[in-house]
């Protein structure tokens, strides 16, 4: 199984799919949300933070290491199966989702290594609620005919 195209958002139903010879199914709202949250770092980030704190190493850089991982992983996983370009709007949405998630969990990603205040966490939580609703709409706006290897 190849990683290419596995997280590609399909907002245009019924277009020909060069990857399987048929037509693509439009992703549901929930399907899009599932593809836009960076689950590849959901277990890696907290485990890494715990390990780094145990050896008294500053942890802010680990969030940025995860960001690099998300960019690399998602750039491949949102590339169409026939070699088209990645869905960079979806990559950007996943990055913002990750950084919001880090702050909501009480983590931080800036070099000063100060933890966010309760007010910052509350604001990030509120923004996350709105972001969950907006994320698929943002991708649809910038990737209006996004399909898995579709011929356009």
N, C-alpha and C. Protein backbone atom coordinates (compact mmCIF):
# COMPACT_ATOMS: atom_id res chain seq x y z
N UNK A 1 0.84 -1.18 0.00
CA UNK A 1 0.00 0.00 0.00
C UNK A 1 0.89 1.25 0.00
N UNK A 2 0.51 2.21 -0.77
CA UNK A 2 1.26 3.44 -0.86
C UNK A 2 0.60 4.53 -0.03
N UNK A 3 1.39 5.43 0.48
CA UNK A 3 0.90 6.54 1.28
C UNK A 3 0.29 7.64 0.41
N UNK A 4 0.76 7.74 -0.81
CA UNK A 4 0.33 8.81 -1.71
C UNK A 4 -1.18 8.80 -1.93
N UNK A 5 -1.79 9.93 -1.67
CA UNK A 5 -3.21 10.11 -1.91
C UNK A 5 -4.13 9.65 -0.79
N UNK A 6 -3.59 9.07 0.27
CA UNK A 6 -4.44 8.51 1.32
C UNK A 6 -5.17 9.57 2.14
N UNK A 7 -4.62 10.77 2.25
CA UNK A 7 -5.27 11.83 3.02
C UNK A 7 -5.78 12.96 2.13
N UNK A 8 -5.91 12.69 0.85
CA UNK A 8 -6.36 13.70 -0.09
C UNK A 8 -7.86 13.95 0.12
N UNK A 9 -8.25 15.22 0.19
CA UNK A 9 -9.65 15.62 0.38
C UNK A 9 -10.33 15.67 -0.98
N UNK A 10 -11.49 15.03 -1.09
CA UNK A 10 -12.25 15.04 -2.33
C UNK A 10 -13.52 15.86 -2.13
N UNK A 11 -13.55 17.05 -2.73
CA UNK A 11 -14.71 17.93 -2.63
C UNK A 11 -15.55 17.94 -3.90
N UNK A 12 -15.14 17.18 -4.89
CA UNK A 12 -15.85 17.19 -6.17
C UNK A 12 -16.32 15.77 -6.48
N UNK A 13 -17.59 15.47 -6.26
CA UNK A 13 -18.07 14.10 -6.46
C UNK A 13 -18.12 13.69 -7.92
N UNK A 14 -17.88 12.40 -8.15
CA UNK A 14 -18.11 11.82 -9.46
C UNK A 14 -17.07 12.09 -10.52
N UNK A 15 -15.91 12.66 -10.21
CA UNK A 15 -14.89 12.87 -11.21
C UNK A 15 -14.12 11.58 -11.44
N UNK A 16 -13.61 11.41 -12.64
CA UNK A 16 -12.85 10.21 -12.95
C UNK A 16 -11.61 10.13 -12.09
N UNK A 17 -11.32 8.95 -11.58
CA UNK A 17 -10.16 8.73 -10.74
C UNK A 17 -9.15 7.90 -11.52
N UNK A 18 -8.04 8.54 -11.89
CA UNK A 18 -7.02 7.86 -12.68
C UNK A 18 -6.37 6.74 -11.90
N UNK A 19 -6.44 6.78 -10.58
CA UNK A 19 -5.78 5.77 -9.75
C UNK A 19 -6.49 4.43 -9.77
N UNK A 20 -7.83 4.41 -9.90
CA UNK A 20 -8.52 3.12 -9.85
C UNK A 20 -9.45 2.89 -11.03
N UNK A 21 -9.47 3.76 -12.00
CA UNK A 21 -10.26 3.57 -13.20
C UNK A 21 -11.74 3.85 -13.03
N UNK A 22 -12.18 4.23 -11.86
CA UNK A 22 -13.58 4.51 -11.59
C UNK A 22 -13.80 5.98 -11.32
N UNK A 23 -14.78 6.24 -10.47
CA UNK A 23 -15.03 7.61 -10.04
C UNK A 23 -14.80 7.72 -8.55
N UNK A 24 -14.46 8.92 -8.12
CA UNK A 24 -14.19 9.15 -6.70
C UNK A 24 -15.48 9.48 -5.97
N UNK A 25 -15.52 9.17 -4.70
CA UNK A 25 -16.64 9.53 -3.85
C UNK A 25 -16.29 10.83 -3.14
N UNK A 26 -17.25 11.72 -3.02
CA UNK A 26 -17.01 12.96 -2.29
C UNK A 26 -16.89 12.64 -0.80
N UNK A 27 -15.88 13.24 -0.16
CA UNK A 27 -15.69 13.05 1.28
C UNK A 27 -16.79 13.77 2.04
N UNK A 28 -17.34 13.12 3.05
CA UNK A 28 -18.31 13.77 3.92
C UNK A 28 -17.59 14.79 4.80
N UNK A 29 -18.37 15.62 5.47
CA UNK A 29 -17.79 16.61 6.39
C UNK A 29 -16.95 15.90 7.45
N UNK A 30 -17.50 14.84 8.04
CA UNK A 30 -16.77 14.09 9.06
C UNK A 30 -15.53 13.42 8.47
N UNK A 31 -15.64 12.92 7.25
CA UNK A 31 -14.48 12.34 6.58
C UNK A 31 -13.38 13.36 6.35
N UNK A 32 -13.78 14.58 5.99
CA UNK A 32 -12.80 15.64 5.80
C UNK A 32 -12.14 16.01 7.13
N UNK A 33 -12.94 16.14 8.19
CA UNK A 33 -12.37 16.46 9.50
C UNK A 33 -11.36 15.39 9.92
N UNK A 34 -11.71 14.15 9.70
CA UNK A 34 -10.82 13.04 10.06
C UNK A 34 -9.50 13.14 9.31
N UNK A 35 -9.55 13.50 8.05
CA UNK A 35 -8.33 13.62 7.25
C UNK A 35 -7.52 14.87 7.60
N UNK A 36 -8.16 15.88 8.17
CA UNK A 36 -7.48 17.15 8.43
C UNK A 36 -6.81 17.23 9.80
N UNK A 37 -7.16 16.33 10.72
CA UNK A 37 -6.50 16.35 12.03
C UNK A 37 -5.25 15.47 11.96
N UNK A 38 -4.10 16.00 12.36
CA UNK A 38 -2.84 15.25 12.21
C UNK A 38 -2.66 14.13 13.23
N UNK A 39 -3.39 13.05 13.05
CA UNK A 39 -3.34 11.93 14.00
C UNK A 39 -1.96 11.28 14.07
N UNK A 40 -1.14 11.51 13.07
CA UNK A 40 0.19 10.90 13.08
C UNK A 40 1.07 11.40 14.22
N UNK A 41 0.72 12.53 14.84
CA UNK A 41 1.51 13.04 15.95
C UNK A 41 0.75 13.04 17.29
N UNK A 42 -0.47 12.53 17.29
CA UNK A 42 -1.28 12.54 18.51
C UNK A 42 -0.64 11.73 19.63
N UNK A 43 -0.01 10.63 19.33
CA UNK A 43 0.67 9.86 20.37
C UNK A 43 2.15 10.20 20.46
N UNK A 44 2.74 10.60 19.36
CA UNK A 44 4.17 10.91 19.36
C UNK A 44 4.47 12.17 20.19
N UNK A 45 3.69 13.22 20.01
CA UNK A 45 3.96 14.48 20.70
C UNK A 45 3.89 14.34 22.23
N UNK A 46 2.78 13.85 22.80
CA UNK A 46 2.74 13.76 24.27
C UNK A 46 3.82 12.82 24.84
N UNK A 47 4.07 11.71 24.16
CA UNK A 47 5.11 10.78 24.64
C UNK A 47 6.48 11.45 24.60
N UNK A 48 6.76 12.18 23.53
CA UNK A 48 8.04 12.89 23.41
C UNK A 48 8.20 13.95 24.48
N UNK A 49 7.13 14.68 24.76
CA UNK A 49 7.19 15.73 25.79
C UNK A 49 7.47 15.11 27.16
N UNK A 50 6.81 14.01 27.47
CA UNK A 50 7.03 13.35 28.76
C UNK A 50 8.48 12.89 28.88
N UNK A 51 9.00 12.29 27.81
CA UNK A 51 10.39 11.82 27.84
C UNK A 51 11.37 12.99 27.98
N UNK A 52 11.13 14.07 27.27
CA UNK A 52 12.04 15.23 27.33
C UNK A 52 11.99 15.90 28.70
N UNK A 53 10.82 16.00 29.29
CA UNK A 53 10.71 16.59 30.63
C UNK A 53 11.41 15.72 31.67
N UNK A 54 11.38 14.40 31.47
CA UNK A 54 12.02 13.48 32.42
C UNK A 54 13.53 13.69 32.47
N UNK A 55 14.11 14.08 31.34
CA UNK A 55 15.56 14.32 31.30
C UNK A 55 15.88 15.81 31.32
N UNK A 56 14.88 16.60 31.68
CA UNK A 56 15.03 18.05 31.86
C UNK A 56 15.57 18.77 30.62
N UNK A 57 15.03 18.42 29.48
CA UNK A 57 15.38 19.07 28.22
C UNK A 57 14.23 20.00 27.84
N UNK A 58 14.56 21.17 27.33
CA UNK A 58 13.50 22.10 26.89
C UNK A 58 12.68 21.42 25.80
N UNK A 59 11.37 21.60 25.88
CA UNK A 59 10.48 20.83 25.02
C UNK A 59 9.92 21.59 23.82
N UNK A 60 10.08 22.91 23.76
CA UNK A 60 9.44 23.68 22.69
C UNK A 60 9.89 23.23 21.31
N UNK A 61 11.13 22.82 21.17
CA UNK A 61 11.65 22.43 19.85
C UNK A 61 10.99 21.15 19.34
N UNK A 62 10.49 20.32 20.27
CA UNK A 62 9.86 19.07 19.84
C UNK A 62 8.58 19.33 19.06
N UNK A 63 7.85 20.39 19.43
CA UNK A 63 6.65 20.76 18.66
C UNK A 63 7.04 21.10 17.23
N UNK A 64 8.16 21.79 17.05
CA UNK A 64 8.60 22.15 15.70
C UNK A 64 9.11 20.94 14.93
N UNK A 65 9.69 19.98 15.62
CA UNK A 65 10.07 18.72 14.96
C UNK A 65 8.82 18.00 14.46
N UNK A 66 7.76 18.03 15.26
CA UNK A 66 6.49 17.45 14.83
C UNK A 66 5.91 18.21 13.64
N UNK A 67 6.05 19.54 13.63
CA UNK A 67 5.58 20.35 12.50
C UNK A 67 6.28 19.92 11.21
N UNK A 68 7.60 19.75 11.28
CA UNK A 68 8.35 19.29 10.10
C UNK A 68 7.84 17.92 9.65
N UNK A 69 7.61 17.03 10.63
CA UNK A 69 7.07 15.71 10.30
C UNK A 69 5.71 15.78 9.64
N UNK A 70 4.85 16.66 10.15
CA UNK A 70 3.52 16.83 9.55
C UNK A 70 3.64 17.33 8.12
N UNK A 71 4.49 18.31 7.89
CA UNK A 71 4.66 18.85 6.53
C UNK A 71 5.12 17.75 5.58
N UNK A 72 6.13 17.00 5.98
CA UNK A 72 6.65 15.94 5.10
C UNK A 72 5.61 14.85 4.86
N UNK A 73 5.02 14.35 5.94
CA UNK A 73 4.04 13.27 5.84
C UNK A 73 2.82 13.70 5.03
N UNK A 74 2.27 14.85 5.36
CA UNK A 74 1.06 15.32 4.69
C UNK A 74 1.31 15.74 3.25
N UNK A 75 2.50 16.24 2.95
CA UNK A 75 2.80 16.59 1.56
C UNK A 75 2.77 15.36 0.67
N UNK A 76 3.20 14.24 1.20
CA UNK A 76 3.14 12.98 0.43
C UNK A 76 1.72 12.43 0.43
N UNK A 77 1.08 12.40 1.60
CA UNK A 77 -0.23 11.77 1.73
C UNK A 77 -1.35 12.53 1.03
N UNK A 78 -1.15 13.82 0.73
CA UNK A 78 -2.18 14.58 0.01
C UNK A 78 -1.84 14.76 -1.47
N UNK A 79 -0.73 14.16 -1.91
CA UNK A 79 -0.37 14.19 -3.33
C UNK A 79 -1.23 13.17 -4.05
N UNK A 80 -1.74 13.52 -5.22
CA UNK A 80 -2.59 12.59 -5.95
C UNK A 80 -1.80 11.36 -6.37
N UNK A 81 -2.50 10.27 -6.53
CA UNK A 81 -1.87 8.99 -6.87
C UNK A 81 -1.17 9.04 -8.22
N UNK A 82 -1.62 9.91 -9.10
CA UNK A 82 -0.99 10.01 -10.42
C UNK A 82 0.15 11.02 -10.45
N UNK A 83 0.58 11.50 -9.28
CA UNK A 83 1.75 12.37 -9.22
C UNK A 83 1.45 13.86 -9.25
N UNK A 84 0.20 14.26 -9.13
CA UNK A 84 -0.13 15.68 -9.09
C UNK A 84 0.40 16.33 -7.82
N UNK A 85 0.13 17.60 -7.67
CA UNK A 85 0.66 18.33 -6.52
C UNK A 85 -0.11 17.99 -5.24
N UNK A 86 0.54 18.27 -4.12
CA UNK A 86 -0.07 18.05 -2.82
C UNK A 86 -1.16 19.09 -2.58
N UNK A 87 -2.05 18.80 -1.66
CA UNK A 87 -3.07 19.76 -1.25
C UNK A 87 -2.50 20.59 -0.11
N UNK A 88 -1.82 21.67 -0.48
CA UNK A 88 -1.13 22.47 0.52
C UNK A 88 -2.08 23.18 1.48
N UNK A 89 -3.30 23.46 1.05
CA UNK A 89 -4.28 24.03 1.98
C UNK A 89 -4.58 23.02 3.09
N UNK A 90 -4.71 21.75 2.73
CA UNK A 90 -4.96 20.70 3.73
C UNK A 90 -3.76 20.52 4.65
N UNK A 91 -2.55 20.65 4.11
CA UNK A 91 -1.34 20.57 4.93
C UNK A 91 -1.32 21.73 5.93
N UNK A 92 -1.64 22.94 5.46
CA UNK A 92 -1.68 24.11 6.33
C UNK A 92 -2.75 23.98 7.41
N UNK A 93 -3.91 23.48 7.06
CA UNK A 93 -4.98 23.27 8.04
C UNK A 93 -4.53 22.26 9.10
N UNK A 94 -3.86 21.19 8.69
CA UNK A 94 -3.36 20.20 9.65
C UNK A 94 -2.33 20.82 10.59
N UNK A 95 -1.48 21.69 10.06
CA UNK A 95 -0.48 22.36 10.90
C UNK A 95 -1.14 23.26 11.95
N UNK A 96 -2.09 24.05 11.52
CA UNK A 96 -2.80 24.94 12.45
C UNK A 96 -3.55 24.10 13.49
N UNK A 97 -4.17 23.01 13.05
CA UNK A 97 -4.87 22.12 13.98
C UNK A 97 -3.92 21.58 15.03
N UNK A 98 -2.73 21.17 14.61
CA UNK A 98 -1.74 20.65 15.55
C UNK A 98 -1.32 21.71 16.56
N UNK A 99 -0.99 22.90 16.09
CA UNK A 99 -0.53 23.95 17.00
C UNK A 99 -1.62 24.37 17.98
N UNK A 100 -2.86 24.44 17.52
CA UNK A 100 -3.97 24.71 18.44
C UNK A 100 -4.08 23.60 19.49
N UNK A 101 -3.96 22.36 19.05
CA UNK A 101 -4.04 21.21 19.94
C UNK A 101 -2.95 21.27 21.01
N UNK A 102 -1.74 21.65 20.60
CA UNK A 102 -0.62 21.76 21.54
C UNK A 102 -0.96 22.77 22.65
N UNK A 103 -1.48 23.93 22.25
CA UNK A 103 -1.79 24.98 23.24
C UNK A 103 -2.97 24.54 24.12
N UNK A 104 -3.99 23.93 23.54
CA UNK A 104 -5.13 23.48 24.32
C UNK A 104 -4.70 22.46 25.38
N UNK A 105 -3.71 21.64 25.05
CA UNK A 105 -3.18 20.67 26.01
C UNK A 105 -2.28 21.31 27.06
N UNK A 106 -2.00 22.60 26.91
CA UNK A 106 -1.16 23.30 27.88
C UNK A 106 0.30 23.32 27.50
N UNK A 107 0.61 22.93 26.27
CA UNK A 107 1.99 22.96 25.78
C UNK A 107 2.29 24.28 25.09
N UNK A 108 3.50 24.41 24.61
CA UNK A 108 3.90 25.64 23.94
C UNK A 108 4.91 25.30 22.86
N UNK A 109 5.09 26.20 21.92
CA UNK A 109 6.00 25.93 20.81
C UNK A 109 6.93 27.10 20.51
N UNK A 110 7.08 28.01 21.48
CA UNK A 110 8.00 29.14 21.31
C UNK A 110 9.23 28.93 22.18
N UNK A 111 10.39 29.46 21.77
CA UNK A 111 11.65 29.20 22.47
C UNK A 111 11.71 29.62 23.94
N UNK A 112 10.84 30.51 24.39
CA UNK A 112 10.94 30.92 25.79
C UNK A 112 10.52 29.82 26.76
N UNK A 113 9.91 28.76 26.25
CA UNK A 113 9.52 27.57 27.02
C UNK A 113 8.56 27.87 28.16
N UNK A 114 8.00 29.08 28.19
CA UNK A 114 6.98 29.39 29.18
C UNK A 114 5.68 28.72 28.76
N UNK A 115 4.98 28.17 29.72
CA UNK A 115 3.71 27.52 29.41
C UNK A 115 2.64 28.58 29.20
N UNK A 116 1.64 28.28 28.36
CA UNK A 116 0.58 29.27 28.13
C UNK A 116 -0.27 29.46 29.39
N UNK A 117 -0.79 30.66 29.53
CA UNK A 117 -1.65 30.98 30.68
C UNK A 117 -3.00 30.30 30.50
N UNK A 118 -3.78 30.27 31.56
CA UNK A 118 -5.13 29.70 31.48
C UNK A 118 -5.98 30.47 30.48
N UNK A 119 -5.76 31.79 30.41
CA UNK A 119 -6.52 32.61 29.45
C UNK A 119 -6.15 32.21 28.02
N UNK A 120 -4.86 32.00 27.76
CA UNK A 120 -4.41 31.59 26.42
C UNK A 120 -5.00 30.23 26.06
N UNK A 121 -5.01 29.32 27.01
CA UNK A 121 -5.58 27.98 26.76
C UNK A 121 -7.08 28.10 26.48
N UNK A 122 -7.78 28.95 27.22
CA UNK A 122 -9.21 29.15 27.01
C UNK A 122 -9.48 29.74 25.62
N UNK A 123 -8.67 30.71 25.23
CA UNK A 123 -8.83 31.31 23.90
C UNK A 123 -8.55 30.26 22.82
N UNK A 124 -7.48 29.49 22.98
CA UNK A 124 -7.15 28.44 22.00
C UNK A 124 -8.27 27.40 21.92
N UNK A 125 -8.89 27.10 23.04
CA UNK A 125 -10.01 26.15 23.05
C UNK A 125 -11.18 26.71 22.26
N UNK A 126 -11.50 27.98 22.47
CA UNK A 126 -12.59 28.61 21.73
C UNK A 126 -12.28 28.67 20.24
N UNK A 127 -11.05 29.03 19.91
CA UNK A 127 -10.64 29.08 18.50
C UNK A 127 -10.73 27.68 17.90
N UNK A 128 -10.37 26.65 18.65
CA UNK A 128 -10.44 25.27 18.15
C UNK A 128 -11.87 24.87 17.80
N UNK A 129 -12.82 25.32 18.61
CA UNK A 129 -14.22 25.01 18.32
C UNK A 129 -14.65 25.62 16.99
N UNK A 130 -14.26 26.85 16.76
CA UNK A 130 -14.58 27.51 15.49
C UNK A 130 -13.78 26.87 14.35
N UNK A 131 -12.51 26.57 14.62
CA UNK A 131 -11.62 25.99 13.62
C UNK A 131 -12.16 24.65 13.11
N UNK A 132 -12.73 23.85 14.01
CA UNK A 132 -13.29 22.56 13.62
C UNK A 132 -14.39 22.74 12.57
N UNK A 133 -15.16 23.78 12.69
CA UNK A 133 -16.21 24.05 11.73
C UNK A 133 -15.64 24.61 10.43
N UNK A 134 -14.61 25.47 10.53
CA UNK A 134 -14.07 26.16 9.36
C UNK A 134 -13.08 25.33 8.53
N UNK A 135 -12.36 24.43 9.16
CA UNK A 135 -11.26 23.73 8.48
C UNK A 135 -11.66 23.11 7.14
N UNK A 136 -12.73 22.29 7.06
CA UNK A 136 -13.11 21.74 5.75
C UNK A 136 -13.51 22.82 4.74
N UNK A 137 -14.11 23.90 5.23
CA UNK A 137 -14.51 24.99 4.32
C UNK A 137 -13.29 25.70 3.73
N UNK A 138 -12.25 25.84 4.53
CA UNK A 138 -11.01 26.47 4.05
C UNK A 138 -10.39 25.61 2.96
N UNK A 139 -10.32 24.32 3.19
CA UNK A 139 -9.75 23.42 2.18
C UNK A 139 -10.61 23.46 0.92
N UNK A 140 -11.94 23.44 1.08
CA UNK A 140 -12.83 23.49 -0.08
C UNK A 140 -12.63 24.78 -0.87
N UNK A 141 -12.35 25.87 -0.17
CA UNK A 141 -12.14 27.16 -0.84
C UNK A 141 -10.87 27.15 -1.69
N UNK A 142 -9.80 26.56 -1.16
CA UNK A 142 -8.53 26.58 -1.85
C UNK A 142 -8.26 25.34 -2.69
N UNK A 143 -9.05 24.30 -2.49
CA UNK A 143 -8.93 23.07 -3.28
C UNK A 143 -10.32 22.68 -3.79
N UNK A 144 -10.96 23.53 -4.62
CA UNK A 144 -12.37 23.32 -4.97
C UNK A 144 -12.65 22.04 -5.74
N UNK A 145 -11.70 21.52 -6.46
CA UNK A 145 -11.93 20.29 -7.21
C UNK A 145 -10.95 19.22 -6.76
N UNK A 146 -10.69 19.19 -5.48
CA UNK A 146 -9.70 18.26 -4.92
C UNK A 146 -10.22 16.84 -5.00
N UNK A 147 -9.50 16.01 -5.74
CA UNK A 147 -9.84 14.61 -5.84
C UNK A 147 -8.59 13.76 -5.75
N UNK A 148 -8.79 12.50 -5.58
CA UNK A 148 -7.68 11.57 -5.48
C UNK A 148 -7.22 11.18 -6.88
N UNK A 149 -6.34 11.96 -7.44
CA UNK A 149 -5.81 11.65 -8.77
C UNK A 149 -6.78 11.92 -9.90
N UNK A 150 -7.71 12.81 -9.75
CA UNK A 150 -8.73 13.04 -10.75
C UNK A 150 -8.17 13.72 -11.98
N UNK A 151 -8.70 13.31 -13.11
CA UNK A 151 -8.37 13.99 -14.36
C UNK A 151 -9.24 15.23 -14.44
N UNK A 152 -8.63 16.36 -14.69
CA UNK A 152 -9.39 17.62 -14.73
C UNK A 152 -9.52 18.14 -16.13
